[in-house]
N, C-alpha and C. Protein backbone atom coordinates (compact mmCIF):
# COMPACT_ATOMS: atom_id res chain seq x y z
N UNK A 1 -8.16 117.58 163.77
CA UNK A 1 -8.34 116.37 163.18
C UNK A 1 -9.59 115.66 163.59
N UNK A 2 -10.10 114.87 162.63
CA UNK A 2 -11.31 113.99 163.00
C UNK A 2 -11.44 113.17 164.05
N UNK A 3 -12.39 113.13 164.98
CA UNK A 3 -12.28 112.37 166.32
C UNK A 3 -12.16 110.86 165.73
N UNK A 4 -12.78 110.36 164.76
CA UNK A 4 -12.67 109.14 164.16
C UNK A 4 -11.17 108.70 163.85
N UNK A 5 -10.76 109.72 163.21
CA UNK A 5 -9.24 109.44 162.33
C UNK A 5 -8.14 109.41 163.70
N UNK A 6 -8.44 110.01 164.65
CA UNK A 6 -7.62 109.85 165.63
C UNK A 6 -7.34 108.59 166.48
N UNK A 7 -8.53 107.68 166.08
CA UNK A 7 -8.25 106.37 166.50
C UNK A 7 -7.49 105.37 165.45
N UNK A 8 -7.34 105.95 164.25
CA UNK A 8 -6.98 105.21 163.13
C UNK A 8 -5.40 104.73 163.25
N UNK A 9 -4.94 103.76 162.74
CA UNK A 9 -3.65 103.25 162.78
C UNK A 9 -3.24 103.62 161.27
N UNK A 10 -1.97 103.11 160.95
CA UNK A 10 -1.60 103.51 159.41
C UNK A 10 -2.58 102.83 158.50
N UNK A 11 -2.74 103.27 157.26
CA UNK A 11 -3.73 103.18 156.48
C UNK A 11 -3.24 101.93 155.83
N UNK A 12 -4.30 100.71 155.51
CA UNK A 12 -3.80 99.39 155.13
C UNK A 12 -4.39 99.10 153.49
N UNK A 13 -5.44 99.96 153.37
CA UNK A 13 -6.07 99.70 151.93
C UNK A 13 -6.63 100.91 151.42
N UNK A 14 -6.55 101.03 150.14
CA UNK A 14 -7.39 102.23 149.42
C UNK A 14 -7.88 101.67 148.33
N UNK A 15 -9.24 102.14 148.12
CA UNK A 15 -9.98 101.96 146.70
C UNK A 15 -10.15 103.44 145.98
N UNK A 16 -9.67 103.41 144.73
CA UNK A 16 -10.16 104.58 144.11
C UNK A 16 -11.05 104.15 142.73
N UNK A 17 -12.09 104.88 142.55
CA UNK A 17 -12.85 104.99 141.43
C UNK A 17 -12.87 106.26 140.63
N UNK A 18 -12.41 106.19 139.43
CA UNK A 18 -12.23 107.30 138.83
C UNK A 18 -12.99 106.99 137.39
N UNK A 19 -13.77 107.99 136.84
CA UNK A 19 -14.82 107.96 135.80
C UNK A 19 -14.54 109.03 134.94
N UNK A 20 -14.19 109.13 133.48
CA UNK A 20 -14.06 110.04 132.75
C UNK A 20 -14.95 109.85 131.41
N UNK A 21 -15.45 111.09 130.75
CA UNK A 21 -16.44 110.80 129.64
C UNK A 21 -15.75 111.53 128.60
N UNK A 22 -15.58 110.83 127.45
CA UNK A 22 -14.91 111.66 126.00
C UNK A 22 -16.09 111.64 124.98
N UNK A 23 -16.20 112.83 124.59
CA UNK A 23 -17.09 112.76 123.23
C UNK A 23 -16.61 111.80 122.19
N UNK A 24 -17.35 111.41 121.39
CA UNK A 24 -17.11 110.46 120.35
C UNK A 24 -17.94 110.56 119.09
N UNK A 25 -17.64 111.69 118.30
CA UNK A 25 -18.58 112.04 117.49
C UNK A 25 -19.84 112.97 117.88
N UNK A 26 -20.68 113.25 117.25
CA UNK A 26 -21.91 114.14 117.54
C UNK A 26 -22.88 113.75 118.60
N UNK A 27 -22.98 112.22 118.20
CA UNK A 27 -24.09 111.64 118.94
C UNK A 27 -23.75 110.40 120.12
N UNK A 28 -22.55 110.36 120.40
CA UNK A 28 -22.01 109.32 121.20
C UNK A 28 -21.09 109.88 122.26
N UNK A 29 -20.72 109.10 123.23
CA UNK A 29 -19.58 109.25 124.29
C UNK A 29 -18.99 107.85 124.56
N UNK A 30 -17.79 107.97 124.81
CA UNK A 30 -17.14 107.09 125.71
C UNK A 30 -16.94 107.32 127.05
N UNK A 31 -17.37 106.55 127.90
CA UNK A 31 -17.36 106.53 129.36
C UNK A 31 -16.29 105.55 129.99
N UNK A 32 -15.19 105.99 130.42
CA UNK A 32 -14.29 105.08 130.80
C UNK A 32 -14.13 105.16 132.47
N UNK A 33 -14.25 103.98 133.29
CA UNK A 33 -14.32 103.97 134.56
C UNK A 33 -13.18 102.98 135.09
N UNK A 34 -12.34 103.31 136.09
CA UNK A 34 -11.40 102.55 136.66
C UNK A 34 -11.59 102.31 138.08
N UNK A 35 -11.29 101.10 138.63
CA UNK A 35 -11.30 100.59 139.97
C UNK A 35 -9.86 100.29 140.47
N UNK A 36 -9.42 100.75 141.42
CA UNK A 36 -8.06 100.38 141.72
C UNK A 36 -8.22 100.00 143.32
N UNK A 37 -8.06 98.97 143.76
CA UNK A 37 -7.88 98.48 145.07
C UNK A 37 -6.26 98.28 145.36
N UNK A 38 -5.85 98.91 146.26
CA UNK A 38 -4.37 98.90 146.47
C UNK A 38 -4.23 98.62 148.00
N UNK A 39 -3.66 97.51 148.23
CA UNK A 39 -3.02 97.16 149.64
C UNK A 39 -1.71 97.80 149.72
N UNK A 40 -1.52 98.61 151.06
CA UNK A 40 -0.60 99.44 151.36
C UNK A 40 0.50 98.82 152.42
N UNK A 41 0.29 97.43 152.62
CA UNK A 41 1.10 96.55 153.52
C UNK A 41 0.92 95.09 152.64
N UNK A 42 2.05 94.26 153.03
CA UNK A 42 2.16 93.04 152.48
C UNK A 42 0.85 92.29 153.06
N UNK A 43 0.19 91.42 152.54
CA UNK A 43 -1.11 90.56 152.98
C UNK A 43 -1.06 89.27 152.67
N UNK A 44 -2.02 88.60 153.26
CA UNK A 44 -2.14 86.99 152.78
C UNK A 44 -3.49 86.95 152.35
N UNK A 45 -3.51 86.11 151.02
CA UNK A 45 -4.79 85.84 150.34
C UNK A 45 -5.50 84.61 151.58
N UNK A 46 -6.87 84.59 151.32
CA UNK A 46 -7.64 83.59 152.30
C UNK A 46 -7.19 82.44 152.04
N UNK A 47 -6.40 81.95 151.07
CA UNK A 47 -5.88 80.65 150.99
C UNK A 47 -4.58 80.28 151.35
N UNK A 48 -3.98 81.30 152.13
CA UNK A 48 -2.45 81.41 152.74
C UNK A 48 -1.50 82.03 152.04
N UNK A 49 -1.59 82.25 150.62
CA UNK A 49 -0.48 82.81 149.85
C UNK A 49 -0.13 84.23 150.30
N UNK A 50 1.21 84.39 150.54
CA UNK A 50 1.55 85.93 150.88
C UNK A 50 1.79 86.59 149.65
N UNK A 51 1.25 87.98 149.68
CA UNK A 51 1.62 88.82 148.62
C UNK A 51 2.27 89.83 148.89
N UNK A 52 2.85 90.86 147.97
CA UNK A 52 3.46 92.12 148.50
C UNK A 52 2.40 93.32 148.19
N UNK A 53 2.71 94.42 149.02
CA UNK A 53 1.79 95.38 148.98
C UNK A 53 1.69 95.91 147.51
N UNK A 54 0.38 96.38 147.05
CA UNK A 54 0.17 96.99 145.69
C UNK A 54 -1.00 96.62 145.21
N UNK A 55 -1.37 96.97 144.12
CA UNK A 55 -2.52 96.86 143.41
C UNK A 55 -3.00 95.26 143.45
N UNK A 56 -4.31 95.15 144.01
CA UNK A 56 -5.02 93.77 144.05
C UNK A 56 -5.92 93.66 142.76
N UNK A 57 -6.74 94.73 142.69
CA UNK A 57 -7.62 94.93 141.60
C UNK A 57 -7.14 96.37 140.81
N UNK A 58 -6.96 96.20 139.47
CA UNK A 58 -6.99 97.35 138.77
C UNK A 58 -7.80 97.04 137.45
N UNK A 59 -8.97 97.55 137.52
CA UNK A 59 -10.08 97.00 136.46
C UNK A 59 -10.66 98.40 135.59
N UNK A 60 -10.67 98.04 134.51
CA UNK A 60 -11.16 99.45 133.57
C UNK A 60 -12.52 98.71 132.75
N UNK A 61 -13.49 99.50 132.47
CA UNK A 61 -14.54 99.50 131.71
C UNK A 61 -14.82 100.71 131.04
N UNK A 62 -14.94 100.33 129.82
CA UNK A 62 -15.17 101.27 128.79
C UNK A 62 -16.60 101.12 127.94
N UNK A 63 -17.34 102.23 128.08
CA UNK A 63 -18.72 102.21 127.47
C UNK A 63 -18.83 103.05 126.32
N UNK A 64 -19.38 102.45 125.35
CA UNK A 64 -19.77 103.33 124.24
C UNK A 64 -21.26 103.60 124.41
N UNK A 65 -21.60 105.02 124.55
CA UNK A 65 -22.89 105.32 124.79
C UNK A 65 -23.42 106.14 123.95
N UNK A 66 -24.71 106.04 123.29
CA UNK A 66 -25.62 106.75 122.56
C UNK A 66 -26.12 107.83 123.30
N UNK A 67 -26.04 108.89 122.94
CA UNK A 67 -26.51 110.19 123.78
C UNK A 67 -27.98 110.32 123.65
N UNK A 68 -28.76 110.33 122.51
CA UNK A 68 -30.12 110.50 122.57
C UNK A 68 -30.88 109.77 123.46
N UNK A 69 -30.49 108.20 123.68
CA UNK A 69 -31.37 107.42 124.39
C UNK A 69 -30.49 106.84 125.61
N UNK A 70 -29.54 107.46 125.63
CA UNK A 70 -28.40 106.78 126.97
C UNK A 70 -28.24 105.31 126.79
N UNK A 71 -28.21 104.76 125.61
CA UNK A 71 -28.07 103.42 125.22
C UNK A 71 -26.67 103.06 125.22
N UNK A 72 -26.29 101.91 125.88
CA UNK A 72 -24.98 101.44 125.98
C UNK A 72 -24.88 100.43 124.44
N UNK A 73 -24.11 100.90 123.70
CA UNK A 73 -23.89 100.42 122.10
C UNK A 73 -22.77 99.27 122.24
N UNK A 74 -21.78 99.47 123.11
CA UNK A 74 -20.49 98.66 123.09
C UNK A 74 -19.81 98.61 124.53
N UNK A 75 -19.03 97.68 124.94
CA UNK A 75 -18.44 97.58 126.11
C UNK A 75 -17.12 96.99 126.08
N UNK A 76 -16.14 97.39 126.66
CA UNK A 76 -14.61 96.92 126.77
C UNK A 76 -14.40 96.90 128.21
N UNK A 77 -13.75 95.55 128.53
CA UNK A 77 -13.38 95.25 129.90
C UNK A 77 -11.74 95.12 129.72
N UNK A 78 -10.95 95.82 130.64
CA UNK A 78 -9.64 95.33 130.51
C UNK A 78 -9.26 95.15 132.30
N UNK A 79 -8.41 94.20 132.48
CA UNK A 79 -8.12 93.67 133.77
C UNK A 79 -6.57 93.62 133.95
N UNK A 80 -6.17 95.00 134.41
CA UNK A 80 -4.73 95.26 134.53
C UNK A 80 -3.94 94.54 135.62
N UNK A 81 -4.92 94.34 136.59
CA UNK A 81 -4.40 93.51 137.86
C UNK A 81 -5.58 93.01 138.58
N UNK A 82 -5.37 91.59 138.85
CA UNK A 82 -6.35 90.99 139.64
C UNK A 82 -5.70 90.00 140.49
N UNK A 83 -6.21 89.49 141.57
CA UNK A 83 -5.58 88.49 142.42
C UNK A 83 -5.49 87.21 141.95
N UNK A 84 -6.27 86.66 141.08
CA UNK A 84 -6.04 85.33 140.59
C UNK A 84 -6.19 85.10 139.03
N UNK A 85 -5.41 84.21 138.55
CA UNK A 85 -5.79 84.17 136.78
C UNK A 85 -7.11 84.03 136.51
N UNK A 86 -7.86 83.21 137.36
CA UNK A 86 -9.17 82.77 137.08
C UNK A 86 -9.81 83.99 136.82
N UNK A 87 -9.58 85.04 137.47
CA UNK A 87 -10.29 86.55 137.55
C UNK A 87 -10.63 86.90 135.92
N UNK A 88 -9.53 86.50 135.20
CA UNK A 88 -9.71 86.63 133.74
C UNK A 88 -10.79 86.06 133.07
N UNK A 89 -11.55 85.21 133.62
CA UNK A 89 -12.56 84.40 132.81
C UNK A 89 -13.69 85.44 132.76
N UNK A 90 -13.85 86.46 133.44
CA UNK A 90 -14.94 87.34 133.41
C UNK A 90 -14.83 88.18 132.54
N UNK A 91 -13.95 88.22 131.68
CA UNK A 91 -13.72 89.39 130.62
C UNK A 91 -15.02 89.71 129.59
N UNK A 92 -15.58 88.58 129.39
CA UNK A 92 -16.60 88.80 128.41
C UNK A 92 -18.04 88.78 129.05
N UNK A 93 -18.28 88.77 130.32
CA UNK A 93 -19.30 88.74 131.10
C UNK A 93 -20.18 89.91 130.89
N UNK A 94 -19.48 91.13 130.87
CA UNK A 94 -20.36 92.55 130.64
C UNK A 94 -20.93 92.62 129.29
N UNK A 95 -20.57 91.78 128.21
CA UNK A 95 -21.31 91.86 127.06
C UNK A 95 -22.74 91.85 126.93
N UNK A 96 -23.48 91.17 128.15
CA UNK A 96 -24.91 91.18 128.32
C UNK A 96 -25.44 92.59 128.38
N UNK A 97 -24.71 93.73 128.67
CA UNK A 97 -25.38 95.14 128.80
C UNK A 97 -25.41 95.75 127.83
N UNK A 98 -24.98 95.30 126.50
CA UNK A 98 -25.15 95.83 125.25
C UNK A 98 -26.52 96.09 125.10
N UNK A 99 -27.09 97.30 124.66
CA UNK A 99 -28.40 97.62 124.44
C UNK A 99 -29.10 98.30 125.78
N UNK A 100 -28.62 98.06 126.78
CA UNK A 100 -29.22 98.50 128.05
C UNK A 100 -29.07 99.95 128.06
N UNK A 101 -29.99 100.65 128.71
CA UNK A 101 -30.24 102.23 128.99
C UNK A 101 -29.72 102.59 130.31
N UNK A 102 -29.05 103.71 130.33
CA UNK A 102 -28.72 104.14 131.71
C UNK A 102 -29.69 105.14 131.97
N UNK A 103 -30.80 104.61 132.77
CA UNK A 103 -32.09 105.63 133.27
C UNK A 103 -32.26 104.71 134.60
N UNK A 104 -33.52 105.31 135.21
CA UNK A 104 -33.77 104.89 136.50
C UNK A 104 -33.92 103.34 136.40
N UNK A 105 -33.41 102.85 137.59
CA UNK A 105 -33.38 101.49 137.65
C UNK A 105 -32.09 100.77 137.20
N UNK A 106 -31.24 101.32 136.59
CA UNK A 106 -29.95 100.93 136.16
C UNK A 106 -29.35 100.11 137.03
N UNK A 107 -29.04 100.41 138.26
CA UNK A 107 -28.33 99.61 139.31
C UNK A 107 -28.96 98.39 139.53
N UNK A 108 -30.26 98.22 139.69
CA UNK A 108 -31.06 97.24 139.91
C UNK A 108 -30.85 96.15 138.68
N UNK A 109 -31.17 96.62 137.53
CA UNK A 109 -30.73 95.93 136.29
C UNK A 109 -29.32 95.28 136.18
N UNK A 110 -28.52 96.19 136.38
CA UNK A 110 -26.93 95.50 136.46
C UNK A 110 -26.88 94.55 137.53
N UNK A 111 -27.42 94.60 138.54
CA UNK A 111 -27.18 93.66 139.65
C UNK A 111 -27.89 92.20 139.12
N UNK A 112 -29.10 92.38 138.66
CA UNK A 112 -29.51 91.22 138.10
C UNK A 112 -29.01 90.48 136.87
N UNK A 113 -28.35 91.33 135.93
CA UNK A 113 -27.60 90.86 134.96
C UNK A 113 -26.20 90.15 135.31
N UNK A 114 -25.80 90.78 136.39
CA UNK A 114 -24.13 90.55 136.70
C UNK A 114 -23.91 90.06 138.16
N UNK A 115 -24.99 90.21 138.91
CA UNK A 115 -24.57 89.96 140.23
C UNK A 115 -24.41 88.45 140.64
N UNK A 116 -23.75 88.11 141.72
CA UNK A 116 -23.43 86.85 142.38
C UNK A 116 -22.39 86.39 141.51
N UNK A 117 -22.53 84.95 140.95
CA UNK A 117 -21.40 84.26 140.11
C UNK A 117 -21.70 84.65 138.72
N UNK A 118 -22.27 85.67 138.39
CA UNK A 118 -22.56 85.70 136.78
C UNK A 118 -21.36 86.77 136.30
N UNK A 119 -20.75 87.28 137.33
CA UNK A 119 -19.50 88.27 136.87
C UNK A 119 -18.55 88.28 138.20
N UNK A 120 -18.11 89.61 138.11
CA UNK A 120 -17.20 89.89 139.33
C UNK A 120 -17.61 91.20 140.02
N UNK A 121 -17.75 91.26 141.27
CA UNK A 121 -18.22 92.09 142.11
C UNK A 121 -17.72 93.33 141.85
N UNK A 122 -16.41 93.39 141.75
CA UNK A 122 -15.57 94.87 141.53
C UNK A 122 -16.07 95.19 140.46
N UNK A 123 -15.96 94.63 139.28
CA UNK A 123 -16.84 95.03 138.01
C UNK A 123 -18.10 95.54 138.06
N UNK A 124 -18.75 94.92 138.92
CA UNK A 124 -20.30 95.36 138.89
C UNK A 124 -20.24 96.74 139.82
N UNK A 125 -19.61 96.62 140.85
CA UNK A 125 -19.30 97.94 141.75
C UNK A 125 -19.06 99.21 140.67
N UNK A 126 -18.04 98.95 140.17
CA UNK A 126 -17.64 100.03 139.10
C UNK A 126 -18.79 100.43 138.16
N UNK A 127 -19.30 99.49 137.52
CA UNK A 127 -20.46 99.63 136.44
C UNK A 127 -21.44 100.45 137.21
N UNK A 128 -21.87 100.02 138.32
CA UNK A 128 -22.89 100.90 138.92
C UNK A 128 -22.74 102.37 139.24
N UNK A 129 -21.31 102.40 139.51
CA UNK A 129 -20.82 103.82 139.88
C UNK A 129 -20.74 104.55 138.54
N UNK A 130 -20.50 103.93 137.59
CA UNK A 130 -20.49 104.54 136.24
C UNK A 130 -21.68 105.14 135.63
N UNK A 131 -23.04 104.52 136.04
CA UNK A 131 -24.33 104.88 135.48
C UNK A 131 -24.46 106.29 135.89
N UNK A 132 -24.49 106.87 136.93
CA UNK A 132 -24.85 108.25 137.13
C UNK A 132 -23.76 109.09 136.57
N UNK A 133 -22.45 108.73 136.56
CA UNK A 133 -21.17 109.59 136.08
C UNK A 133 -21.57 109.71 134.63
N UNK A 134 -21.94 108.46 133.96
CA UNK A 134 -22.07 108.63 132.53
C UNK A 134 -23.15 109.56 132.12
N UNK A 135 -24.31 109.94 132.81
CA UNK A 135 -25.33 110.82 132.74
C UNK A 135 -24.64 112.04 132.63
N UNK A 136 -23.74 112.54 133.76
CA UNK A 136 -23.14 113.54 133.97
C UNK A 136 -22.28 113.86 132.67
N UNK A 137 -21.64 112.80 132.25
CA UNK A 137 -20.65 112.99 131.35
C UNK A 137 -21.28 113.31 129.91
N UNK A 138 -22.65 112.61 129.71
CA UNK A 138 -23.34 112.90 128.61
C UNK A 138 -23.72 114.58 128.63
N UNK A 139 -24.32 114.92 129.82
CA UNK A 139 -24.71 116.33 130.07
C UNK A 139 -23.40 117.55 129.78
N UNK A 140 -22.32 116.86 130.29
CA UNK A 140 -21.07 117.71 130.21
C UNK A 140 -21.02 117.91 128.75
N UNK A 141 -20.86 116.81 128.07
CA UNK A 141 -20.48 117.02 126.58
C UNK A 141 -21.44 117.67 125.86
N UNK A 142 -22.81 117.52 125.97
CA UNK A 142 -23.87 118.47 125.37
C UNK A 142 -23.75 119.90 125.60
N UNK A 143 -23.33 120.10 127.07
CA UNK A 143 -23.10 121.57 127.57
C UNK A 143 -22.01 122.33 126.97
N UNK A 144 -21.09 121.73 126.11
CA UNK A 144 -20.06 122.57 125.40
C UNK A 144 -20.45 123.24 124.62
N UNK A 145 -21.78 123.35 124.15
CA UNK A 145 -22.55 124.13 123.09
C UNK A 145 -23.85 124.54 123.58
N UNK A 146 -24.35 125.92 123.52
CA UNK A 146 -25.73 126.12 123.93
C UNK A 146 -26.69 125.29 123.31
N UNK A 147 -27.69 124.82 124.27
CA UNK A 147 -28.68 124.04 123.84
C UNK A 147 -29.62 124.62 122.88
N UNK A 148 -30.10 124.11 122.00
CA UNK A 148 -31.27 124.58 121.09
C UNK A 148 -32.44 124.00 121.44
N UNK A 149 -33.10 124.64 122.59
CA UNK A 149 -34.27 124.21 123.17
C UNK A 149 -35.29 123.81 122.35
N UNK A 150 -35.61 124.70 121.36
CA UNK A 150 -36.70 124.36 120.51
C UNK A 150 -36.67 123.06 119.48
N UNK A 151 -35.29 122.88 119.12
CA UNK A 151 -35.24 121.24 118.32
C UNK A 151 -35.14 120.36 119.49
N UNK A 152 -34.61 120.54 120.63
CA UNK A 152 -34.43 119.40 121.56
C UNK A 152 -36.10 119.04 122.11
N UNK A 153 -37.06 120.04 122.18
CA UNK A 153 -38.29 119.43 122.56
C UNK A 153 -39.31 119.30 121.40
N UNK A 154 -38.56 119.39 120.17
CA UNK A 154 -39.60 119.21 119.19
C UNK A 154 -40.12 117.84 119.01
N UNK A 155 -39.21 116.96 119.49
CA UNK A 155 -39.58 115.53 119.53
C UNK A 155 -40.09 115.20 121.15
N UNK A 156 -41.32 115.19 121.07
CA UNK A 156 -42.10 114.98 122.46
C UNK A 156 -41.42 113.57 123.32
N UNK A 157 -41.31 112.69 122.51
CA UNK A 157 -40.51 111.56 123.17
C UNK A 157 -39.20 111.64 123.84
N UNK A 158 -38.46 112.49 122.98
CA UNK A 158 -37.07 112.88 123.44
C UNK A 158 -37.18 113.65 124.89
N UNK A 159 -38.20 114.59 124.72
CA UNK A 159 -38.19 115.70 125.95
C UNK A 159 -38.78 114.90 127.01
N UNK A 160 -39.77 113.99 126.89
CA UNK A 160 -40.21 113.28 128.09
C UNK A 160 -39.12 112.10 128.51
N UNK A 161 -38.27 111.61 127.61
CA UNK A 161 -37.19 110.90 128.06
C UNK A 161 -36.33 111.70 129.11
N UNK A 162 -35.98 112.81 128.67
CA UNK A 162 -35.09 113.72 129.26
C UNK A 162 -35.50 114.03 130.62
N UNK A 163 -36.80 114.48 130.64
CA UNK A 163 -37.41 114.69 131.85
C UNK A 163 -37.42 113.37 132.88
N UNK A 164 -37.64 112.46 132.33
CA UNK A 164 -37.85 111.35 133.14
C UNK A 164 -36.36 110.90 133.78
N UNK A 165 -35.40 111.29 133.26
CA UNK A 165 -33.98 110.82 133.57
C UNK A 165 -33.59 111.97 134.72
N UNK A 166 -34.35 112.98 134.93
CA UNK A 166 -33.94 113.81 136.02
C UNK A 166 -35.11 113.89 137.23
N UNK A 167 -36.42 113.66 136.71
CA UNK A 167 -37.41 113.64 137.79
C UNK A 167 -37.42 112.54 139.04
N UNK A 168 -37.22 113.43 140.31
CA UNK A 168 -37.27 112.69 141.46
C UNK A 168 -36.03 111.79 141.35
N UNK A 169 -34.82 112.29 140.86
CA UNK A 169 -33.71 111.29 140.90
C UNK A 169 -32.98 111.93 142.24
N UNK A 170 -33.24 113.17 142.69
CA UNK A 170 -32.60 113.67 143.92
C UNK A 170 -33.33 114.90 144.43
N UNK A 171 -32.87 115.45 145.48
CA UNK A 171 -33.84 116.56 146.32
C UNK A 171 -33.92 117.69 145.27
N UNK A 172 -32.86 118.03 144.72
CA UNK A 172 -32.85 119.27 143.70
C UNK A 172 -33.84 118.89 142.52
N UNK A 173 -33.87 117.76 141.88
CA UNK A 173 -34.86 117.45 140.87
C UNK A 173 -36.17 116.92 141.22
N UNK A 174 -36.67 117.24 142.45
CA UNK A 174 -37.74 116.58 142.92
C UNK A 174 -39.10 117.22 142.10
N UNK A 175 -40.20 116.60 142.01
CA UNK A 175 -41.32 117.04 141.22
C UNK A 175 -41.70 118.18 141.54
N UNK A 176 -41.70 118.54 142.90
CA UNK A 176 -42.40 119.99 143.41
C UNK A 176 -41.35 120.99 143.73
N UNK A 177 -40.12 120.81 143.16
CA UNK A 177 -39.01 121.62 143.49
C UNK A 177 -38.58 122.72 142.43
N UNK A 178 -37.92 123.88 142.74
CA UNK A 178 -37.74 125.00 141.97
C UNK A 178 -37.06 124.69 140.58
N UNK A 179 -36.10 123.76 140.65
CA UNK A 179 -35.47 123.61 139.53
C UNK A 179 -36.13 122.69 138.48
N UNK A 180 -37.01 121.82 138.85
CA UNK A 180 -37.90 121.12 138.06
C UNK A 180 -38.96 122.13 137.41
N UNK A 181 -39.53 122.93 138.29
CA UNK A 181 -40.39 123.90 137.82
C UNK A 181 -39.96 124.81 136.78
N UNK A 182 -38.58 125.31 137.06
CA UNK A 182 -38.09 126.25 136.05
C UNK A 182 -37.93 125.44 134.78
N UNK A 183 -37.43 124.23 134.63
CA UNK A 183 -37.40 123.45 133.52
C UNK A 183 -38.56 123.33 132.80
N UNK A 184 -39.62 122.83 133.41
CA UNK A 184 -41.12 122.86 133.02
C UNK A 184 -41.28 124.25 132.47
N UNK A 185 -41.30 125.30 133.09
CA UNK A 185 -41.48 126.56 132.50
C UNK A 185 -40.97 126.82 131.34
N UNK A 186 -39.48 126.63 131.29
CA UNK A 186 -38.77 127.04 130.03
C UNK A 186 -39.24 126.04 128.82
N UNK A 187 -39.58 125.06 129.00
CA UNK A 187 -39.93 124.13 127.84
C UNK A 187 -41.48 124.61 127.57
N UNK A 188 -41.98 125.01 128.62
CA UNK A 188 -43.42 125.51 128.23
C UNK A 188 -43.48 126.87 127.28
N UNK A 189 -42.38 127.65 127.78
CA UNK A 189 -42.37 129.10 127.38
C UNK A 189 -41.83 128.82 125.75
N UNK A 190 -41.00 127.77 125.46
CA UNK A 190 -40.49 127.62 124.25
C UNK A 190 -41.55 127.17 123.21
N UNK A 191 -42.33 125.98 123.60
CA UNK A 191 -43.50 125.60 123.11
C UNK A 191 -44.44 126.55 122.72
N UNK A 192 -44.64 127.49 123.92
CA UNK A 192 -45.62 128.86 123.49
C UNK A 192 -45.16 129.58 122.33
N UNK A 193 -43.71 129.82 122.20
CA UNK A 193 -43.24 130.68 120.99
C UNK A 193 -43.58 129.94 119.76
N UNK A 194 -43.38 128.45 119.71
CA UNK A 194 -43.56 127.91 118.72
C UNK A 194 -45.01 127.91 118.00
N UNK A 195 -46.07 127.97 119.08
CA UNK A 195 -47.46 128.00 118.23
C UNK A 195 -47.76 129.29 117.70
């Protein structure tokens, strides 16, 4: 058993975030994220009201994402469980993300658009988690068929955009790493065959 968990009493709270991606035609995906905060014991709100154990937050965000540019075309918010009726006032606050691209700087842009009193901190947490998962979902959706590399790189802007979504995003995709070198070599080899 973990040395830290040896000190733990009964679990009091559990947060789960799940994110799934669904193809929506040839050029779009729907990304659905769920955040559930579950209190596992009866509890009191900071204002003194006693509540039974159960879901305190169950929030769902659905994004319609255009694959070529990773652009959010539409958004839906569903609040299945919230601690206060007033929480429902934030349903439309995510509309400001329509037209945003899921690229580098996504988290900072979302915090700027939705942070503080502009929306709900839990919706913002879920949305930020959905950014990288949406990219994985788009890649997974595309990877269901072999990539036609020649047509993919025929549009230099699209190829640059794709490379930018990967470059220096993590250790594996660092500029001087073997994965990035292999991808660049593959692109150059395909371009060489076209000449």
